[in-house]
Amino acid sequence: MAKEIKVEVKSKKKEAIWKIYKLGFQIDGLFGGQLPRSETEIRAMLEHRMPTKKPEDAIPVEELVDKVVSQVDVQDEDDDDYIPSWSTFKHNVTNTLVYEGRSVRGHLKDCALQVQNFHKDVKNFRSKVVNRLYVMDDLIPLYREDGEPYKEVVDTEVRYIQVMTRQGPRSAIKHIDYVMNPYFEVTIKLLNDGIINMSHIESILEYGSVHGMGAERSQGWGRYEIKQFVEV
């Protein structure tokens, strides 16, 4: 009788679905907040973002308004000193000024559109990026040059602008809270299917570093240098 031979089959280690990177942004100069400082304007902003067809599990807009209001230093709209069109930053539970992860993701999506012609080997480059690259942070703390977190804005810029109304062009004033040279880090996840890779992200960031992030990009605000880009 032949001797029975036992064969041990070792399964291959499953390849990770995601690659995870840590990105460090060093803003050069002024970095402006983008959230309104009034409850009325916050509600209008959220309603504008609402999809035309709301999902069944959609969070009521009033609940969303209450959440944002709790994270922003809102003004009293009944106060005689109330100023409309004033934008600022959110803060977290430790009262540190923060930037939103959704805004970083929006920045990456916008920049992917602008560099897509440099990556003609990837069909529908922007949509490939959108469906593969995600920012994992919600509220991102902003740090000063000395490493301490920003607890309050540095100052407020006042700008005179032209707006188009039903009655024609009108002059308006807007206020933008800002900080100087903040540093912040985000964690991103990239789908590990080989379609979008690190070099693609680098080109997005190269464009974005000049395009800028946050408010008043047309004035040169929010330009940055990547201080860290490592896989974790």
C-alpha atoms as a PDB file:
ATOM      1  CA  MET A   1       0.000   0.000   0.000  1.00  0.00           C
ATOM      2  CA  ALA A   2       1.383   3.372  -1.014  1.00  0.00           C
ATOM      3  CA  LYS A   3       2.227   5.744   1.782  1.00  0.00           C
ATOM      4  CA  GLU A   4      -0.194   8.638   2.058  1.00  0.00           C
ATOM      5  CA  ILE A   5       1.439  11.970   1.445  1.00  0.00           C
ATOM      6  CA  LYS A   6      -0.076  15.030   3.084  1.00  0.00           C
ATOM      7  CA  VAL A   7       0.328  18.252   1.152  1.00  0.00           C
ATOM      8  CA  GLU A   8       0.014  21.499   3.103  1.00  0.00           C
ATOM      9  CA  VAL A   9      -1.299  24.346   0.963  1.00  0.00           C
ATOM     10  CA  LYS A  10      -0.462  27.782   2.299  1.00  0.00           C
ATOM     11  CA  SER A  11      -2.842  30.495   1.217  1.00  0.00           C
ATOM     12  CA  LYS A  12      -1.336  33.668  -0.161  1.00  0.00           C
ATOM     13  CA  LYS A  13      -1.581  36.762   1.961  1.00  0.00           C
ATOM     14  CA  LYS A  14      -4.498  38.850   0.781  1.00  0.00           C
ATOM     15  CA  GLU A  15      -3.371  42.103  -0.791  1.00  0.00           C
ATOM     16  CA  ALA A  16      -4.642  45.198   0.974  1.00  0.00           C
ATOM     17  CA  ILE A  17      -7.505  46.976  -0.765  1.00  0.00           C
ATOM     18  CA  TRP A  18      -6.237  50.391   0.304  1.00  0.00           C
ATOM     19  CA  LYS A  19      -2.926  52.168   0.455  1.00  0.00           C
ATOM     20  CA  ILE A  20      -2.763  54.756   3.232  1.00  0.00           C
ATOM     21  CA  TYR A  21      -0.670  57.917   3.097  1.00  0.00           C
ATOM     22  CA  LYS A  22       0.030  60.799   5.451  1.00  0.00           C
ATOM     23  CA  LEU A  23       0.177  64.234   3.831  1.00  0.00           C
ATOM     24  CA  GLY A  24       1.598  67.331   5.519  1.00  0.00           C
ATOM     25  CA  PHE A  25       0.595  70.737   4.116  1.00  0.00           C
ATOM     26  CA  GLN A  26       2.623  73.854   4.948  1.00  0.00           C
ATOM     27  CA  ILE A  27       0.657  76.928   3.891  1.00  0.00           C
ATOM     28  CA  ASP A  28       2.776  79.850   2.733  1.00  0.00           C
ATOM     29  CA  GLY A  29       1.194  83.071   3.945  1.00  0.00           C
ATOM     30  CA  LEU A  30      -2.479  83.797   4.514  1.00  0.00           C
ATOM     31  CA  PHE A  31      -5.027  81.000   4.832  1.00  0.00           C
ATOM     32  CA  GLY A  32      -8.673  82.063   4.912  1.00  0.00           C
ATOM     33  CA  GLY A  33     -11.757  80.519   6.487  1.00  0.00           C
ATOM     34  CA  GLN A  34     -14.711  79.656   4.263  1.00  0.00           C
ATOM     35  CA  LEU A  35     -17.666  79.195   6.627  1.00  0.00           C
ATOM     36  CA  PRO A  36     -20.222  81.966   7.230  1.00  0.00           C
ATOM     37  CA  ARG A  37     -20.517  83.438  10.713  1.00  0.00           C
ATOM     38  CA  SER A  38     -24.297  83.708  10.727  1.00  0.00           C
ATOM     39  CA  GLU A  39     -26.938  81.027  11.233  1.00  0.00           C
ATOM     40  CA  THR A  40     -28.984  82.318   8.288  1.00  0.00           C
ATOM     41  CA  GLU A  41     -26.030  82.089   5.908  1.00  0.00           C
ATOM     42  CA  ILE A  42     -25.049  78.666   7.280  1.00  0.00           C
ATOM     43  CA  ARG A  43     -28.574  77.386   6.581  1.00  0.00           C
ATOM     44  CA  ALA A  44     -28.495  78.821   3.056  1.00  0.00           C
ATOM     45  CA  MET A  45     -25.110  77.172   2.446  1.00  0.00           C
ATOM     46  CA  LEU A  46     -26.339  73.765   3.613  1.00  0.00           C
ATOM     47  CA  GLU A  47     -29.581  73.998   1.639  1.00  0.00           C
ATOM     48  CA  HIS A  48     -27.575  74.855  -1.479  1.00  0.00           C
ATOM     49  CA  ARG A  49     -25.502  71.676  -0.989  1.00  0.00           C
ATOM     50  CA  MET A  50     -28.572  69.474  -0.567  1.00  0.00           C
ATOM     51  CA  PRO A  51     -29.191  67.019  -3.430  1.00  0.00           C
ATOM     52  CA  THR A  52     -32.342  67.563  -5.466  1.00  0.00           C
ATOM     53  CA  LYS A  53     -33.598  64.128  -4.481  1.00  0.00           C
ATOM     54  CA  LYS A  54     -32.990  63.568  -0.785  1.00  0.00           C
ATOM     55  CA  PRO A  55     -32.162  60.029   0.369  1.00  0.00           C
ATOM     56  CA  GLU A  56     -34.558  58.373   2.809  1.00  0.00           C
ATOM     57  CA  ASP A  57     -32.026  58.526   5.644  1.00  0.00           C
ATOM     58  CA  ALA A  58     -31.122  62.184   5.030  1.00  0.00           C
ATOM     59  CA  ILE A  59     -30.312  64.182   8.163  1.00  0.00           C
ATOM     60  CA  PRO A  60     -32.817  67.043   8.654  1.00  0.00           C
ATOM     61  CA  VAL A  61     -31.361  70.399   7.660  1.00  0.00           C
ATOM     62  CA  GLU A  62     -32.107  71.882  11.100  1.00  0.00           C
ATOM     63  CA  GLU A  63     -29.948  69.209  12.705  1.00  0.00           C
ATOM     64  CA  LEU A  64     -27.132  69.985  10.290  1.00  0.00           C
ATOM     65  CA  VAL A  65     -27.459  73.711  10.975  1.00  0.00           C
ATOM     66  CA  ASP A  66     -27.281  73.131  14.747  1.00  0.00           C
ATOM     67  CA  LYS A  67     -24.131  71.025  14.323  1.00  0.00           C
ATOM     68  CA  VAL A  68     -22.318  73.626  12.212  1.00  0.00           C
ATOM     69  CA  VAL A  69     -23.435  76.494  14.451  1.00  0.00           C
ATOM     70  CA  SER A  70     -21.945  74.639  17.448  1.00  0.00           C
ATOM     71  CA  GLN A  71     -18.573  74.537  15.630  1.00  0.00           C
ATOM     72  CA  VAL A  72     -18.467  78.154  14.468  1.00  0.00           C
ATOM     73  CA  ASP A  73     -18.190  81.436  16.367  1.00  0.00           C
ATOM     74  CA  VAL A  74     -21.490  82.742  15.017  1.00  0.00           C
ATOM     75  CA  GLN A  75     -22.642  86.329  15.330  1.00  0.00           C
ATOM     76  CA  ASP A  76     -25.902  87.476  16.865  1.00  0.00           C
ATOM     77  CA  GLU A  77     -27.909  88.593  13.848  1.00  0.00           C
ATOM     78  CA  ASP A  78     -30.099  90.827  16.047  1.00  0.00           C
ATOM     79  CA  ASP A  79     -27.073  92.739  17.269  1.00  0.00           C
ATOM     80  CA  ASP A  80     -26.523  96.228  15.870  1.00  0.00           C
ATOM     81  CA  ASP A  81     -22.898  95.252  15.149  1.00  0.00           C
ATOM     82  CA  TYR A  82     -23.876  92.245  13.023  1.00  0.00           C
ATOM     83  CA  ILE A  83     -21.826  92.007   9.795  1.00  0.00           C
ATOM     84  CA  PRO A  84     -23.087  89.881   6.874  1.00  0.00           C
ATOM     85  CA  SER A  85     -20.763  88.013   4.465  1.00  0.00           C
ATOM     86  CA  TRP A  86     -18.201  87.237   7.160  1.00  0.00           C
ATOM     87  CA  SER A  87     -16.378  83.914   6.752  1.00  0.00           C
ATOM     88  CA  THR A  88     -14.349  82.045   9.345  1.00  0.00           C
ATOM     89  CA  PHE A  89     -13.098  78.613  10.486  1.00  0.00           C
ATOM     90  CA  LYS A  90     -14.706  75.807  12.437  1.00  0.00           C
ATOM     91  CA  HIS A  91     -13.251  74.772  15.794  1.00  0.00           C
ATOM     92  CA  ASN A  92     -13.131  71.343  17.445  1.00  0.00           C
ATOM     93  CA  VAL A  93     -13.941  70.294  21.022  1.00  0.00           C
ATOM     94  CA  THR A  94     -10.585  71.641  22.285  1.00  0.00           C
ATOM     95  CA  ASN A  95     -11.364  75.026  20.690  1.00  0.00           C
ATOM     96  CA  THR A  96      -8.604  74.559  18.096  1.00  0.00           C
ATOM     97  CA  LEU A  97      -9.250  76.090  14.686  1.00  0.00           C
ATOM     98  CA  VAL A  98      -9.737  73.409  12.049  1.00  0.00           C
ATOM     99  CA  TYR A  99     -10.030  72.936   8.304  1.00  0.00           C
ATOM    100  CA  GLU A 100     -12.537  70.450   6.931  1.00  0.00           C
ATOM    101  CA  GLY A 101     -11.544  67.180   5.310  1.00  0.00           C
ATOM    102  CA  ARG A 102     -14.319  67.593   2.729  1.00  0.00           C
ATOM    103  CA  SER A 103     -12.652  70.831   1.611  1.00  0.00           C
ATOM    104  CA  VAL A 104      -9.301  69.078   1.124  1.00  0.00           C
ATOM    105  CA  ARG A 105     -11.034  66.358  -0.899  1.00  0.00           C
ATOM    106  CA  GLY A 106     -12.809  69.014  -2.975  1.00  0.00           C
ATOM    107  CA  HIS A 107      -9.446  70.684  -3.597  1.00  0.00           C
ATOM    108  CA  LEU A 108      -7.909  67.408  -4.810  1.00  0.00           C
ATOM    109  CA  LYS A 109     -10.885  66.771  -7.119  1.00  0.00           C
ATOM    110  CA  ASP A 110     -10.657  70.274  -8.628  1.00  0.00           C
ATOM    111  CA  CYS A 111      -6.922  69.940  -9.207  1.00  0.00           C
ATOM    112  CA  ALA A 112      -7.342  66.479 -10.764  1.00  0.00           C
ATOM    113  CA  LEU A 113      -9.569  68.084 -13.386  1.00  0.00           C
ATOM    114  CA  GLN A 114      -6.894  70.630 -14.246  1.00  0.00           C
ATOM    115  CA  VAL A 115      -4.070  68.085 -14.704  1.00  0.00           C
ATOM    116  CA  GLN A 116      -6.064  65.353 -16.448  1.00  0.00           C
ATOM    117  CA  ASN A 117      -4.566  66.161 -19.862  1.00  0.00           C
ATOM    118  CA  PHE A 118      -1.134  65.271 -18.464  1.00  0.00           C
ATOM    119  CA  HIS A 119      -2.406  61.739 -17.810  1.00  0.00           C
ATOM    120  CA  LYS A 120      -4.025  60.728 -21.080  1.00  0.00           C
ATOM    121  CA  ASP A 121      -3.046  57.131 -20.397  1.00  0.00           C
ATOM    122  CA  VAL A 122      -5.773  57.099 -17.711  1.00  0.00           C
ATOM    123  CA  LYS A 123      -9.197  57.452 -19.294  1.00  0.00           C
ATOM    124  CA  ASN A 124     -11.593  59.718 -17.359  1.00  0.00           C
ATOM    125  CA  PHE A 125      -8.736  60.660 -15.050  1.00  0.00           C
ATOM    126  CA  ARG A 126     -10.721  62.928 -12.721  1.00  0.00           C
ATOM    127  CA  SER A 127     -13.510  60.405 -12.136  1.00  0.00           C
ATOM    128  CA  LYS A 128     -10.887  57.719 -11.501  1.00  0.00           C
ATOM    129  CA  VAL A 129      -9.343  59.958  -8.826  1.00  0.00           C
ATOM    130  CA  VAL A 130     -12.727  60.808  -7.282  1.00  0.00           C
ATOM    131  CA  ASN A 131     -13.634  57.126  -6.879  1.00  0.00           C
ATOM    132  CA  ARG A 132     -10.239  56.050  -5.542  1.00  0.00           C
ATOM    133  CA  LEU A 133      -8.844  58.839  -3.394  1.00  0.00           C
ATOM    134  CA  TYR A 134     -10.445  59.696  -0.039  1.00  0.00           C
ATOM    135  CA  VAL A 135      -9.567  62.041   2.813  1.00  0.00           C
ATOM    136  CA  MET A 136     -10.165  60.222   6.090  1.00  0.00           C
ATOM    137  CA  ASP A 137     -10.142  63.226   8.453  1.00  0.00           C
ATOM    138  CA  ASP A 138     -13.248  65.251   9.265  1.00  0.00           C
ATOM    139  CA  LEU A 139     -11.891  68.209  11.236  1.00  0.00           C
ATOM    140  CA  ILE A 140      -8.175  68.914  10.716  1.00  0.00           C
ATOM    141  CA  PRO A 141      -6.345  70.981  13.384  1.00  0.00           C
ATOM    142  CA  LEU A 142      -4.322  73.971  12.204  1.00  0.00           C
ATOM    143  CA  TYR A 143      -0.909  74.535  13.806  1.00  0.00           C
ATOM    144  CA  ARG A 144       1.210  77.657  14.139  1.00  0.00           C
ATOM    145  CA  GLU A 145       4.864  77.848  13.138  1.00  0.00           C
ATOM    146  CA  ASP A 146       5.886  77.156  16.751  1.00  0.00           C
ATOM    147  CA  GLY A 147       3.927  73.883  16.709  1.00  0.00           C
ATOM    148  CA  GLU A 148       1.106  75.123  18.926  1.00  0.00           C
ATOM    149  CA  PRO A 149      -2.481  74.816  17.690  1.00  0.00           C
ATOM    150  CA  TYR A 150      -4.287  77.914  16.492  1.00  0.00           C
ATOM    151  CA  LYS A 151      -6.924  78.867  19.050  1.00  0.00           C
ATOM    152  CA  GLU A 152      -8.035  82.074  17.363  1.00  0.00           C
ATOM    153  CA  VAL A 153      -7.671  83.804  14.035  1.00  0.00           C
ATOM    154  CA  VAL A 154      -4.773  86.166  13.399  1.00  0.00           C
ATOM    155  CA  ASP A 155      -6.908  88.910  11.868  1.00  0.00           C
ATOM    156  CA  THR A 156      -9.796  89.693   9.509  1.00  0.00           C
ATOM    157  CA  GLU A 157      -9.356  90.944   5.960  1.00  0.00           C
ATOM    158  CA  VAL A 158     -11.972  93.400   4.668  1.00  0.00           C
ATOM    159  CA  ARG A 159     -12.550  93.388   0.922  1.00  0.00           C
ATOM    160  CA  TYR A 160     -14.760  95.503  -1.326  1.00  0.00           C
ATOM    161  CA  ILE A 161     -16.273  93.428  -4.105  1.00  0.00           C
ATOM    162  CA  GLN A 162     -18.716  93.727  -6.994  1.00  0.00           C
ATOM    163  CA  VAL A 163     -21.753  91.420  -6.952  1.00  0.00           C
ATOM    164  CA  MET A 164     -24.423  90.952  -9.597  1.00  0.00           C
ATOM    165  CA  THR A 165     -28.016  91.367  -8.428  1.00  0.00           C
ATOM    166  CA  ARG A 166     -31.380  91.539 -10.201  1.00  0.00           C
ATOM    167  CA  GLN A 167     -30.958  95.300 -10.186  1.00  0.00           C
ATOM    168  CA  GLY A 168     -27.501  95.036 -11.780  1.00  0.00           C
ATOM    169  CA  PRO A 169     -23.969  95.220 -10.339  1.00  0.00           C
ATOM    170  CA  ARG A 170     -23.648  96.394  -6.755  1.00  0.00           C
ATOM    171  CA  SER A 171     -20.741  97.020  -4.411  1.00  0.00           C
ATOM    172  CA  ALA A 172     -20.461  94.869  -1.305  1.00  0.00           C
ATOM    173  CA  ILE A 173     -18.108  94.310   1.596  1.00  0.00           C
ATOM    174  CA  LYS A 174     -16.924  90.914   2.791  1.00  0.00           C
ATOM    175  CA  HIS A 175     -14.863  89.925   5.820  1.00  0.00           C
ATOM    176  CA  ILE A 176     -12.510  86.922   5.858  1.00  0.00           C
ATOM    177  CA  ASP A 177     -10.897  85.566   9.020  1.00  0.00           C
ATOM    178  CA  TYR A 178      -7.398  84.225   8.395  1.00  0.00           C
ATOM    179  CA  VAL A 179      -4.376  82.593  10.002  1.00  0.00           C
ATOM    180  CA  MET A 180      -0.738  82.819   8.907  1.00  0.00           C
ATOM    181  CA  ASN A 181       1.485  79.974   7.681  1.00  0.00           C
ATOM    182  CA  PRO A 182      -0.539  77.147   9.253  1.00  0.00           C
ATOM    183  CA  TYR A 183       0.589  73.518   9.054  1.00  0.00           C
ATOM    184  CA  PHE A 184      -1.819  70.599   8.975  1.00  0.00           C
ATOM    185  CA  GLU A 185      -1.754  66.880   8.240  1.00  0.00           C
ATOM    186  CA  VAL A 186      -4.328  64.610   6.625  1.00  0.00           C
ATOM    187  CA  THR A 187      -4.615  60.875   6.093  1.00  0.00           C
ATOM    188  CA  ILE A 188      -5.669  59.738   2.640  1.00  0.00           C
ATOM    189  CA  LYS A 189      -6.720  56.327   1.378  1.00  0.00           C
ATOM    190  CA  LEU A 190      -5.988  55.293  -2.200  1.00  0.00           C
ATOM    191  CA  LEU A 191      -7.645  52.263  -3.786  1.00  0.00           C
ATOM    192  CA  ASN A 192      -4.862  49.771  -4.410  1.00  0.00           C
ATOM    193  CA  ASP A 193      -5.840  48.718  -7.940  1.00  0.00           C
ATOM    194  CA  GLY A 194      -2.894  50.287  -9.748  1.00  0.00           C
ATOM    195  CA  ILE A 195      -4.949  52.784 -11.767  1.00  0.00           C
ATOM    196  CA  ILE A 196      -4.132  55.901  -9.727  1.00  0.00           C
ATOM    197  CA  ASN A 197      -0.716  55.909  -8.127  1.00  0.00           C
ATOM    198  CA  MET A 198       1.577  58.117  -6.089  1.00  0.00           C
ATOM    199  CA  SER A 199       2.946  59.948  -9.147  1.00  0.00           C
ATOM    200  CA  HIS A 200      -0.593  60.943 -10.146  1.00  0.00           C
ATOM    201  CA  ILE A 201      -1.232  62.362  -6.684  1.00  0.00           C
ATOM    202  CA  GLU A 202       2.068  64.233  -6.815  1.00  0.00           C
ATOM    203  CA  SER A 203       1.037  65.992 -10.033  1.00  0.00           C
ATOM    204  CA  ILE A 204      -2.323  66.935  -8.468  1.00  0.00           C
ATOM    205  CA  LEU A 205      -0.515  68.425  -5.487  1.00  0.00           C
ATOM    206  CA  GLU A 206       2.038  70.193  -7.688  1.00  0.00           C
ATOM    207  CA  TYR A 207      -0.799  72.039  -9.421  1.00  0.00           C
ATOM    208  CA  GLY A 208      -2.670  72.576  -6.156  1.00  0.00           C
ATOM    209  CA  SER A 209       0.350  74.135  -4.462  1.00  0.00           C
ATOM    210  CA  VAL A 210       0.082  77.062  -6.890  1.00  0.00           C
ATOM    211  CA  HIS A 211      -3.713  77.067  -7.240  1.00  0.00           C
ATOM    212  CA  GLY A 212      -4.092  77.381  -3.471  1.00  0.00           C
ATOM    213  CA  MET A 213      -6.586  76.142  -0.919  1.00  0.00           C
ATOM    214  CA  GLY A 214      -9.198  77.881   1.225  1.00  0.00           C
ATOM    215  CA  ALA A 215     -10.647  81.354   0.739  1.00  0.00           C
ATOM    216  CA  GLU A 216      -9.309  84.127  -1.500  1.00  0.00           C
ATOM    217  CA  ARG A 217      -7.236  81.899  -3.786  1.00  0.00           C
ATOM    218  CA  SER A 218      -7.542  84.545  -6.517  1.00  0.00           C
ATOM    219  CA  GLN A 219      -5.529  86.814  -4.212  1.00  0.00           C
ATOM    220  CA  GLY A 220      -2.746  84.250  -3.822  1.00  0.00           C
ATOM    221  CA  TRP A 221      -3.954  82.925  -0.466  1.00  0.00           C
ATOM    222  CA  GLY A 222      -3.604  79.264   0.512  1.00  0.00           C
ATOM    223  CA  ARG A 223      -0.572  78.312  -1.570  1.00  0.00           C
ATOM    224  CA  TYR A 224       1.399  75.518   0.020  1.00  0.00           C
ATOM    225  CA  GLU A 225       4.348  73.155   0.072  1.00  0.00           C
ATOM    226  CA  ILE A 226       4.034  69.440   0.815  1.00  0.00           C
ATOM    227  CA  LYS A 227       6.266  68.714   3.802  1.00  0.00           C
ATOM    228  CA  GLN A 228       5.317  65.070   4.184  1.00  0.00           C
ATOM    229  CA  PHE A 229       4.047  62.406   1.801  1.00  0.00           C
ATOM    230  CA  VAL A 230       4.643  58.957   3.238  1.00  0.00           C
ATOM    231  CA  GLU A 231       2.901  55.604   3.128  1.00  0.00           C
ATOM    232  CA  VAL A 232       1.772  54.344   6.535  1.00  0.00           C
END
